[in-house]
Amino acid sequence: MRYHTFPEVLRLIRKNNGWSFRVAAKKMGISMSSLQRYEKAEVNPTLTVLYRIAEAIDVDMAVLLGTRRFPIPGAADNTNHPSKR
């Protein structure tokens, strides 16, 4: 079973909520360019920034780090859905 990676979780949550990069970045308290780079897996955030993102979007840090399953409605890989454990 595959867990979503940090870039995938960011992208899926952003798109699922209908947020543009600008809106999502503002909610997360980061720059739009940083968010784009995180989603492209070009760079990784510091632990402080990761915590800020998790708090802003109400997602456990373990989910963002890919160590815990997280059902994301509409995601292509629904093997992480609790009903499919």
Protein backbone atom coordinates (compact mmCIF):
# COMPACT_ATOMS: atom_id res chain seq x y z
CA MET A 1 0.00 0.00 0.00
CA ARG A 2 1.32 3.40 -0.96
CA TYR A 3 0.87 6.54 1.10
CA HIS A 4 0.67 9.94 -0.53
CA THR A 5 3.87 11.95 -0.60
CA PHE A 6 4.15 15.49 0.74
CA PRO A 7 3.83 17.09 -2.72
CA GLU A 8 0.84 14.88 -3.54
CA VAL A 9 -0.97 15.72 -0.30
CA LEU A 10 -0.46 19.45 -0.85
CA ARG A 11 -1.67 19.28 -4.43
CA LEU A 12 -4.66 17.05 -3.66
CA ILE A 13 -5.82 19.14 -0.72
CA ARG A 14 -5.37 22.38 -2.67
CA LYS A 15 -7.28 21.10 -5.69
CA ASN A 16 -9.95 19.36 -3.63
CA ASN A 17 -10.71 22.64 -1.89
CA GLY A 18 -10.70 24.54 -5.18
CA TRP A 19 -7.86 26.77 -3.99
CA SER A 20 -5.56 28.53 -6.42
CA PHE A 21 -1.86 28.60 -5.56
CA ARG A 22 -2.35 32.17 -4.31
CA VAL A 23 -5.24 31.28 -1.99
CA ALA A 24 -3.61 28.12 -0.66
CA ALA A 25 -0.28 29.86 -0.04
CA LYS A 26 -2.02 32.65 1.87
CA LYS A 27 -3.90 30.13 4.03
CA MET A 28 -0.63 28.29 4.73
CA GLY A 29 1.32 31.45 5.48
CA ILE A 30 3.92 30.76 2.78
CA SER A 31 4.79 32.33 -0.54
CA MET A 32 3.09 31.17 -3.69
CA SER A 33 6.46 30.28 -5.24
CA SER A 34 7.34 28.14 -2.21
CA LEU A 35 4.07 26.26 -2.49
CA GLN A 36 4.67 25.64 -6.19
CA ARG A 37 8.17 24.37 -5.47
CA TYR A 38 6.87 22.08 -2.70
CA GLU A 39 4.21 20.63 -5.01
CA LYS A 40 6.84 19.99 -7.69
CA ALA A 41 9.09 18.33 -5.09
CA GLU A 42 11.88 20.77 -5.93
CA VAL A 43 12.47 21.65 -2.28
CA ASN A 44 11.27 20.54 1.14
CA PRO A 45 10.00 22.87 3.84
CA THR A 46 11.69 23.30 7.18
CA LEU A 47 10.05 21.64 10.14
CA THR A 48 8.67 25.01 11.27
CA VAL A 49 7.08 25.64 7.88
CA LEU A 50 5.75 22.10 7.71
CA TYR A 51 4.09 22.60 11.10
CA ARG A 52 2.59 25.91 9.94
CA ILE A 53 1.18 24.23 6.81
CA ALA A 54 -0.28 21.34 8.81
CA GLU A 55 -1.96 23.71 11.25
CA ALA A 56 -3.30 25.96 8.50
CA ILE A 57 -4.94 23.17 6.52
CA ASP A 58 -5.85 21.08 9.59
CA VAL A 59 -3.87 18.02 8.56
CA ASP A 60 -1.67 15.94 10.85
CA MET A 61 2.05 16.34 10.14
CA ALA A 62 2.37 12.56 9.82
CA VAL A 63 0.02 12.74 6.85
CA LEU A 64 2.12 15.45 5.21
CA LEU A 65 5.26 13.40 5.81
CA GLY A 66 3.66 10.32 4.26
CA THR A 67 3.79 8.16 7.38
CA ARG A 68 0.04 8.03 7.97
CA ARG A 69 -2.82 7.31 5.60
CA PHE A 70 -5.10 10.11 4.67
CA PRO A 71 -8.29 9.65 2.65
CA ILE A 72 -8.54 12.43 0.11
CA PRO A 73 -11.93 12.42 -1.61
CA GLY A 74 -11.62 12.24 -5.35
CA ALA A 75 -7.98 11.18 -5.23
CA ALA A 76 -6.91 8.76 -7.94
CA ASP A 77 -5.40 6.39 -5.36
CA ASN A 78 -8.24 5.61 -2.97
CA THR A 79 -6.39 2.64 -1.46
CA ASN A 80 -5.78 4.93 1.51
CA HIS A 81 -9.47 5.22 2.27
CA PRO A 82 -10.33 3.80 5.72
CA SER A 83 -12.97 1.49 4.25
CA LYS A 84 -10.26 -0.15 2.12
CA ARG A 85 -7.80 -0.94 4.93
